[in-house]
Each structure stands twice: as C-alpha cells, then as structure tokens.
Amino acid sequence: MNEILSKAHVALGANLPHAEFSLEMTLSQAIATLSGPDVVIRSVSRFFSTPCFPPGAGPDYVNAAIELATSLSPTDLLDRLHAVEHEYGRARLQRWGMRTLDLDVLSYDDQVLPDLIVYRHWADLPPEQQIEVTPEQMILPHPRLQDRAFVLVPLADIAPKWRHPVSGRTVSDMLHALPADDIASVTPL
C-alpha cells in the first residue's frame, strides 16, 4: 500500500449475541472482518465489561477500541463500519438500542467534520435532545467521546496521548475528568 494513510480510532461494542458468537467473539471477528488492504489494524484495546447505556436499556456491554490506518475517506470508513455491523446482525431500529455490534468512528486524523460550528452544536446538545435527534452527516471527532467512560477507558488502553482537536485535551485528561464511579464501572474482561 503506497497510498497516504490516515489514522482513525474506532469504538466497538455489543450487548446482544450474534448467531453462536459470544460478545467477545463478535468483536474479535468484526475486527478481523474490517481488516483489509485499505484498513490496517494498528492496535486493539483489551475488552471491557460496561453497564448498558442508557442505564436499564438492556444487558451490559462488551466494549473495546481500535486504532487503524486507512486509505478510506471518513465517510467511506463509516460505510465500511456500517457494512460490518450489518454482517453481524445489526439492525438500526432505535437510537441507543440494544445491538449485536456497534462500531463508531471516534476520530479521523485531527479532522473536525463537517466544521467547527456543526461539531459544537452536536457536542453541546442537551442530554434530553441527544436521544431524540440523529445527525444527518458524520460529526468528528465523536461529539460524546469525552463524556463516556465506556469509550475513554478502552481508548486510553491504546491511545492515552491522543489529543482532541477541539478541546486540546488528551484521552487521559478526558478520562480523569469523569466521575470515579463511571470509570470504575468499566472493568477488563
């Protein structure tokens, strides 16, 4: 591969089994499926048990994070992630619903997409509106990553010094700003 590669971080999660696979096996197989000539997996976090989000919405999750190098554009990468989710039984029926596989682009190089104004709108969206509305375009970095221990704990496993292109804070900084109980609820398997 002689193309210029971009670096991306992706969050993985599952709280419903797919076929005969355990949650851990689904994540492992999804990582293998994602890997190819235009997506090179550079690092994989440990797998973590995490409480369902939002609380009470279903069984607990297994979460992880990966760092990859890719020649795909951000939207092509998202399309690839959606195809892998579909292959592992993901049905997009409700926002924040139970799922066999969830793959989210957290970052793509240091890009802020589609622009800073739209990013800030989604990052500042009140919690009661977050569950009701979905962006019609890709928002990067993921507008909720700094709020979620189930994302930051696995990401800190592989990229603790990655710096958020808007806030300037590292993954470690963002993680340590969360409540201790939130962090403690994310436990390695």
C-alpha atoms as a PDB file:
ATOM      1  CA  MET A   1       0.000   0.000   0.000  1.00  0.00           C
ATOM      2  CA  ASN A   2       1.743   3.137  -1.238  1.00  0.00           C
ATOM      3  CA  GLU A   3      -1.144   5.495  -0.533  1.00  0.00           C
ATOM      4  CA  ILE A   4      -1.077   8.092   2.195  1.00  0.00           C
ATOM      5  CA  LEU A   5      -2.787   6.583   5.210  1.00  0.00           C
ATOM      6  CA  SER A   6      -4.897   8.364   7.752  1.00  0.00           C
ATOM      7  CA  LYS A   7      -5.149   7.354  11.397  1.00  0.00           C
ATOM      8  CA  ALA A   8      -8.558   6.684  12.896  1.00  0.00           C
ATOM      9  CA  HIS A   9      -9.892   5.465  16.223  1.00  0.00           C
ATOM     10  CA  VAL A  10     -12.999   3.296  16.341  1.00  0.00           C
ATOM     11  CA  ALA A  11     -15.105   2.257  19.340  1.00  0.00           C
ATOM     12  CA  LEU A  12     -16.647  -1.219  19.363  1.00  0.00           C
ATOM     13  CA  GLY A  13     -19.480  -2.518  21.480  1.00  0.00           C
ATOM     14  CA  ALA A  14     -22.068  -5.300  21.676  1.00  0.00           C
ATOM     15  CA  ASN A  15     -24.700  -6.334  24.185  1.00  0.00           C
ATOM     16  CA  LEU A  16     -26.664  -8.943  22.222  1.00  0.00           C
ATOM     17  CA  PRO A  17     -25.148 -12.207  20.979  1.00  0.00           C
ATOM     18  CA  HIS A  18     -24.966 -12.829  17.238  1.00  0.00           C
ATOM     19  CA  ALA A  19     -25.545 -16.375  15.984  1.00  0.00           C
ATOM     20  CA  GLU A  20     -23.321 -18.693  18.006  1.00  0.00           C
ATOM     21  CA  PHE A  21     -20.799 -15.955  18.881  1.00  0.00           C
ATOM     22  CA  SER A  22     -20.222 -14.606  22.370  1.00  0.00           C
ATOM     23  CA  LEU A  23     -19.987 -10.810  22.617  1.00  0.00           C
ATOM     24  CA  GLU A  24     -16.188 -11.036  22.786  1.00  0.00           C
ATOM     25  CA  MET A  25     -16.083 -13.301  19.718  1.00  0.00           C
ATOM     26  CA  THR A  26     -18.328 -10.903  17.792  1.00  0.00           C
ATOM     27  CA  LEU A  27     -15.930  -8.015  18.498  1.00  0.00           C
ATOM     28  CA  SER A  28     -12.882 -10.127  17.572  1.00  0.00           C
ATOM     29  CA  GLN A  29     -14.473 -11.347  14.349  1.00  0.00           C
ATOM     30  CA  ALA A  30     -15.648  -7.831  13.438  1.00  0.00           C
ATOM     31  CA  ILE A  31     -12.079  -6.531  13.811  1.00  0.00           C
ATOM     32  CA  ALA A  32     -10.841  -9.312  11.523  1.00  0.00           C
ATOM     33  CA  THR A  33     -13.616  -8.572   9.004  1.00  0.00           C
ATOM     34  CA  LEU A  34     -12.793  -4.862   8.999  1.00  0.00           C
ATOM     35  CA  SER A  35      -9.109  -5.501   8.293  1.00  0.00           C
ATOM     36  CA  GLY A  36      -8.074  -5.477   4.641  1.00  0.00           C
ATOM     37  CA  PRO A  37      -5.927  -3.751   2.035  1.00  0.00           C
ATOM     38  CA  ASP A  38      -7.441  -0.336   2.783  1.00  0.00           C
ATOM     39  CA  VAL A  39      -7.833  -0.756   6.561  1.00  0.00           C
ATOM     40  CA  VAL A  40      -4.843  -1.860   8.647  1.00  0.00           C
ATOM     41  CA  ILE A  41      -5.491  -2.517  12.334  1.00  0.00           C
ATOM     42  CA  ARG A  42      -2.635  -0.928  14.291  1.00  0.00           C
ATOM     43  CA  SER A  43      -3.759  -1.527  17.872  1.00  0.00           C
ATOM     44  CA  VAL A  44      -6.586  -3.258  19.760  1.00  0.00           C
ATOM     45  CA  SER A  45      -7.548  -2.467  23.359  1.00  0.00           C
ATOM     46  CA  ARG A  46      -8.480  -5.025  25.939  1.00  0.00           C
ATOM     47  CA  PHE A  47     -12.147  -5.941  26.089  1.00  0.00           C
ATOM     48  CA  PHE A  48     -14.171  -4.388  28.900  1.00  0.00           C
ATOM     49  CA  SER A  49     -17.480  -5.154  30.567  1.00  0.00           C
ATOM     50  CA  THR A  50     -19.545  -1.977  30.804  1.00  0.00           C
ATOM     51  CA  PRO A  51     -23.015  -1.152  32.098  1.00  0.00           C
ATOM     52  CA  CYS A  52     -25.683  -0.676  29.479  1.00  0.00           C
ATOM     53  CA  PHE A  53     -26.133   2.903  28.266  1.00  0.00           C
ATOM     54  CA  PRO A  54     -28.517   4.434  28.928  1.00  0.00           C
ATOM     55  CA  PRO A  55     -28.967   2.631  32.277  1.00  0.00           C
ATOM     56  CA  GLY A  56     -31.688  -0.013  32.245  1.00  0.00           C
ATOM     57  CA  ALA A  57     -31.931  -0.163  28.439  1.00  0.00           C
ATOM     58  CA  GLY A  58     -30.740  -3.778  28.217  1.00  0.00           C
ATOM     59  CA  PRO A  59     -27.934  -6.193  29.062  1.00  0.00           C
ATOM     60  CA  ASP A  60     -24.425  -4.957  29.831  1.00  0.00           C
ATOM     61  CA  TYR A  61     -21.970  -4.397  27.003  1.00  0.00           C
ATOM     62  CA  VAL A  62     -18.560  -5.584  25.989  1.00  0.00           C
ATOM     63  CA  ASN A  63     -16.613  -2.580  24.668  1.00  0.00           C
ATOM     64  CA  ALA A  64     -13.223  -2.078  23.047  1.00  0.00           C
ATOM     65  CA  ALA A  65     -11.348   0.396  20.852  1.00  0.00           C
ATOM     66  CA  ILE A  66      -9.042   0.063  17.883  1.00  0.00           C
ATOM     67  CA  GLU A  67      -6.586   2.305  16.125  1.00  0.00           C
ATOM     68  CA  LEU A  68      -6.316   1.823  12.400  1.00  0.00           C
ATOM     69  CA  ALA A  69      -4.563   3.212   9.372  1.00  0.00           C
ATOM     70  CA  THR A  70      -6.714   3.628   6.291  1.00  0.00           C
ATOM     71  CA  SER A  71      -6.772   4.965   2.764  1.00  0.00           C
ATOM     72  CA  LEU A  72     -10.558   5.317   3.008  1.00  0.00           C
ATOM     73  CA  SER A  73     -12.150   8.731   3.429  1.00  0.00           C
ATOM     74  CA  PRO A  74     -14.041   9.313   6.694  1.00  0.00           C
ATOM     75  CA  THR A  75     -17.421   8.666   5.034  1.00  0.00           C
ATOM     76  CA  ASP A  76     -16.145   5.567   3.218  1.00  0.00           C
ATOM     77  CA  LEU A  77     -14.782   4.273   6.525  1.00  0.00           C
ATOM     78  CA  LEU A  78     -18.181   4.854   8.145  1.00  0.00           C
ATOM     79  CA  ASP A  79     -19.847   3.000   5.265  1.00  0.00           C
ATOM     80  CA  ARG A  80     -17.447   0.097   5.803  1.00  0.00           C
ATOM     81  CA  LEU A  81     -18.234   0.049   9.538  1.00  0.00           C
ATOM     82  CA  HIS A  82     -21.972   0.008   8.791  1.00  0.00           C
ATOM     83  CA  ALA A  83     -21.479  -2.903   6.359  1.00  0.00           C
ATOM     84  CA  VAL A  84     -19.591  -4.875   9.031  1.00  0.00           C
ATOM     85  CA  GLU A  85     -22.312  -4.094  11.592  1.00  0.00           C
ATOM     86  CA  HIS A  86     -24.934  -5.384   9.140  1.00  0.00           C
ATOM     87  CA  GLU A  87     -22.898  -8.556   8.536  1.00  0.00           C
ATOM     88  CA  TYR A  88     -23.024  -9.214  12.294  1.00  0.00           C
ATOM     89  CA  GLY A  89     -26.763  -8.720  12.582  1.00  0.00           C
ATOM     90  CA  ARG A  90     -27.018  -5.032  13.484  1.00  0.00           C
ATOM     91  CA  ALA A  91     -30.445  -3.568  12.853  1.00  0.00           C
ATOM     92  CA  ARG A  92     -30.748   0.209  13.251  1.00  0.00           C
ATOM     93  CA  LEU A  93     -34.204   0.281  14.782  1.00  0.00           C
ATOM     94  CA  GLN A  94     -33.778   2.781  17.618  1.00  0.00           C
ATOM     95  CA  ARG A  95     -31.178   5.224  18.864  1.00  0.00           C
ATOM     96  CA  TRP A  96     -29.121   3.791  21.718  1.00  0.00           C
ATOM     97  CA  GLY A  97     -30.956   0.469  21.484  1.00  0.00           C
ATOM     98  CA  MET A  98     -29.580  -2.996  22.154  1.00  0.00           C
ATOM     99  CA  ARG A  99     -27.287  -4.264  19.429  1.00  0.00           C
ATOM    100  CA  THR A 100     -25.246  -7.202  18.218  1.00  0.00           C
ATOM    101  CA  LEU A 101     -22.480  -4.823  17.105  1.00  0.00           C
ATOM    102  CA  ASP A 102     -21.847  -1.093  17.292  1.00  0.00           C
ATOM    103  CA  LEU A 103     -18.881   0.499  15.503  1.00  0.00           C
ATOM    104  CA  ASP A 104     -18.330   4.247  15.867  1.00  0.00           C
ATOM    105  CA  VAL A 105     -15.633   6.409  14.316  1.00  0.00           C
ATOM    106  CA  LEU A 106     -14.199   8.419  17.220  1.00  0.00           C
ATOM    107  CA  SER A 107     -11.541  10.337  15.316  1.00  0.00           C
ATOM    108  CA  TYR A 108     -10.013  10.594  11.868  1.00  0.00           C
ATOM    109  CA  ASP A 109      -6.599  12.242  11.893  1.00  0.00           C
ATOM    110  CA  ASP A 110      -7.187  15.648  13.507  1.00  0.00           C
ATOM    111  CA  GLN A 111     -10.203  16.462  11.371  1.00  0.00           C
ATOM    112  CA  VAL A 112     -13.232  18.327  12.690  1.00  0.00           C
ATOM    113  CA  LEU A 113     -16.164  17.410  10.456  1.00  0.00           C
ATOM    114  CA  PRO A 114     -18.152  18.801   8.838  1.00  0.00           C
ATOM    115  CA  ASP A 115     -16.902  22.003  10.520  1.00  0.00           C
ATOM    116  CA  LEU A 116     -16.374  23.508  13.973  1.00  0.00           C
ATOM    117  CA  ILE A 117     -19.812  25.163  14.159  1.00  0.00           C
ATOM    118  CA  VAL A 118     -21.705  21.919  13.452  1.00  0.00           C
ATOM    119  CA  TYR A 119     -19.379  19.957  15.729  1.00  0.00           C
ATOM    120  CA  ARG A 120     -20.034  22.356  18.632  1.00  0.00           C
ATOM    121  CA  HIS A 121     -23.789  22.215  18.054  1.00  0.00           C
ATOM    122  CA  TRP A 122     -23.782  18.421  18.459  1.00  0.00           C
ATOM    123  CA  ALA A 123     -21.237  18.408  21.298  1.00  0.00           C
ATOM    124  CA  ASP A 124     -23.337  20.928  23.255  1.00  0.00           C
ATOM    125  CA  LEU A 125     -26.697  19.274  22.580  1.00  0.00           C
ATOM    126  CA  PRO A 126     -28.646  18.818  25.842  1.00  0.00           C
ATOM    127  CA  PRO A 127     -28.957  15.171  27.005  1.00  0.00           C
ATOM    128  CA  GLU A 128     -32.747  15.059  26.552  1.00  0.00           C
ATOM    129  CA  GLN A 129     -32.317  16.006  22.883  1.00  0.00           C
ATOM    130  CA  GLN A 130     -29.461  13.558  22.269  1.00  0.00           C
ATOM    131  CA  ILE A 131     -31.817  10.597  22.423  1.00  0.00           C
ATOM    132  CA  GLU A 132     -34.336  12.177  20.044  1.00  0.00           C
ATOM    133  CA  VAL A 133     -32.207  13.521  17.192  1.00  0.00           C
ATOM    134  CA  THR A 134     -29.569  11.967  14.993  1.00  0.00           C
ATOM    135  CA  PRO A 135     -27.174  13.945  12.808  1.00  0.00           C
ATOM    136  CA  GLU A 136     -27.694  13.584   9.081  1.00  0.00           C
ATOM    137  CA  GLN A 137     -23.957  13.813   8.463  1.00  0.00           C
ATOM    138  CA  MET A 138     -20.793  12.499  10.029  1.00  0.00           C
ATOM    139  CA  ILE A 139     -19.634  14.503  13.063  1.00  0.00           C
ATOM    140  CA  LEU A 140     -15.961  14.182  14.032  1.00  0.00           C
ATOM    141  CA  PRO A 141     -14.472  13.813  16.480  1.00  0.00           C
ATOM    142  CA  HIS A 142     -17.346  11.864  18.004  1.00  0.00           C
ATOM    143  CA  PRO A 143     -19.256  14.576  19.893  1.00  0.00           C
ATOM    144  CA  ARG A 144     -19.817  12.415  23.024  1.00  0.00           C
ATOM    145  CA  LEU A 145     -16.476  10.657  23.409  1.00  0.00           C
ATOM    146  CA  GLN A 146     -15.311  12.963  26.241  1.00  0.00           C
ATOM    147  CA  ASP A 147     -18.446  12.099  28.271  1.00  0.00           C
ATOM    148  CA  ARG A 148     -18.308   8.312  28.171  1.00  0.00           C
ATOM    149  CA  ALA A 149     -16.130   6.066  30.284  1.00  0.00           C
ATOM    150  CA  PHE A 150     -17.101   3.070  28.136  1.00  0.00           C
ATOM    151  CA  VAL A 151     -15.345   4.822  25.229  1.00  0.00           C
ATOM    152  CA  LEU A 152     -12.443   6.510  27.029  1.00  0.00           C
ATOM    153  CA  VAL A 153     -11.277   3.551  29.145  1.00  0.00           C
ATOM    154  CA  PRO A 154     -10.687   1.302  26.088  1.00  0.00           C
ATOM    155  CA  LEU A 155      -9.285   4.231  24.092  1.00  0.00           C
ATOM    156  CA  ALA A 156      -6.841   5.003  26.914  1.00  0.00           C
ATOM    157  CA  ASP A 157      -5.569   1.431  26.543  1.00  0.00           C
ATOM    158  CA  ILE A 158      -4.270   2.170  23.044  1.00  0.00           C
ATOM    159  CA  ALA A 159      -4.047   5.956  22.658  1.00  0.00           C
ATOM    160  CA  PRO A 160      -3.775   7.726  26.039  1.00  0.00           C
ATOM    161  CA  LYS A 161      -1.887  10.650  24.493  1.00  0.00           C
ATOM    162  CA  TRP A 162      -4.218  11.223  21.541  1.00  0.00           C
ATOM    163  CA  ARG A 163      -5.252  14.875  21.704  1.00  0.00           C
ATOM    164  CA  HIS A 164      -8.794  16.014  20.949  1.00  0.00           C
ATOM    165  CA  PRO A 165      -8.545  18.513  18.054  1.00  0.00           C
ATOM    166  CA  VAL A 166     -11.175  20.861  19.543  1.00  0.00           C
ATOM    167  CA  SER A 167     -10.635  20.755  23.319  1.00  0.00           C
ATOM    168  CA  GLY A 168      -6.899  20.063  23.181  1.00  0.00           C
ATOM    169  CA  ARG A 169      -7.253  17.505  25.990  1.00  0.00           C
ATOM    170  CA  THR A 170      -5.653  14.073  25.794  1.00  0.00           C
ATOM    171  CA  VAL A 171      -7.610  10.855  26.250  1.00  0.00           C
ATOM    172  CA  SER A 172      -6.028  10.551  29.706  1.00  0.00           C
ATOM    173  CA  ASP A 173      -7.119  14.103  30.581  1.00  0.00           C
ATOM    174  CA  MET A 174     -10.694  13.456  29.444  1.00  0.00           C
ATOM    175  CA  LEU A 175     -10.837  10.141  31.277  1.00  0.00           C
ATOM    176  CA  HIS A 176      -9.595  11.599  34.562  1.00  0.00           C
ATOM    177  CA  ALA A 177     -12.234  14.346  34.332  1.00  0.00           C
ATOM    178  CA  LEU A 178     -15.038  11.756  34.563  1.00  0.00           C
ATOM    179  CA  PRO A 179     -16.597  10.663  37.864  1.00  0.00           C
ATOM    180  CA  ALA A 180     -14.611   7.880  39.552  1.00  0.00           C
ATOM    181  CA  ASP A 181     -17.723   5.660  39.703  1.00  0.00           C
ATOM    182  CA  ASP A 182     -18.128   5.880  35.922  1.00  0.00           C
ATOM    183  CA  ILE A 183     -14.531   4.828  35.369  1.00  0.00           C
ATOM    184  CA  ALA A 184     -14.746   2.011  37.950  1.00  0.00           C
ATOM    185  CA  SER A 185     -17.828   0.583  36.213  1.00  0.00           C
ATOM    186  CA  VAL A 186     -15.740  -0.250  33.111  1.00  0.00           C
ATOM    187  CA  THR A 187     -13.864  -3.431  34.025  1.00  0.00           C
ATOM    188  CA  PRO A 188     -11.427  -5.502  31.955  1.00  0.00           C
ATOM    189  CA  LEU A 189     -12.522  -8.998  30.973  1.00  0.00           C
END
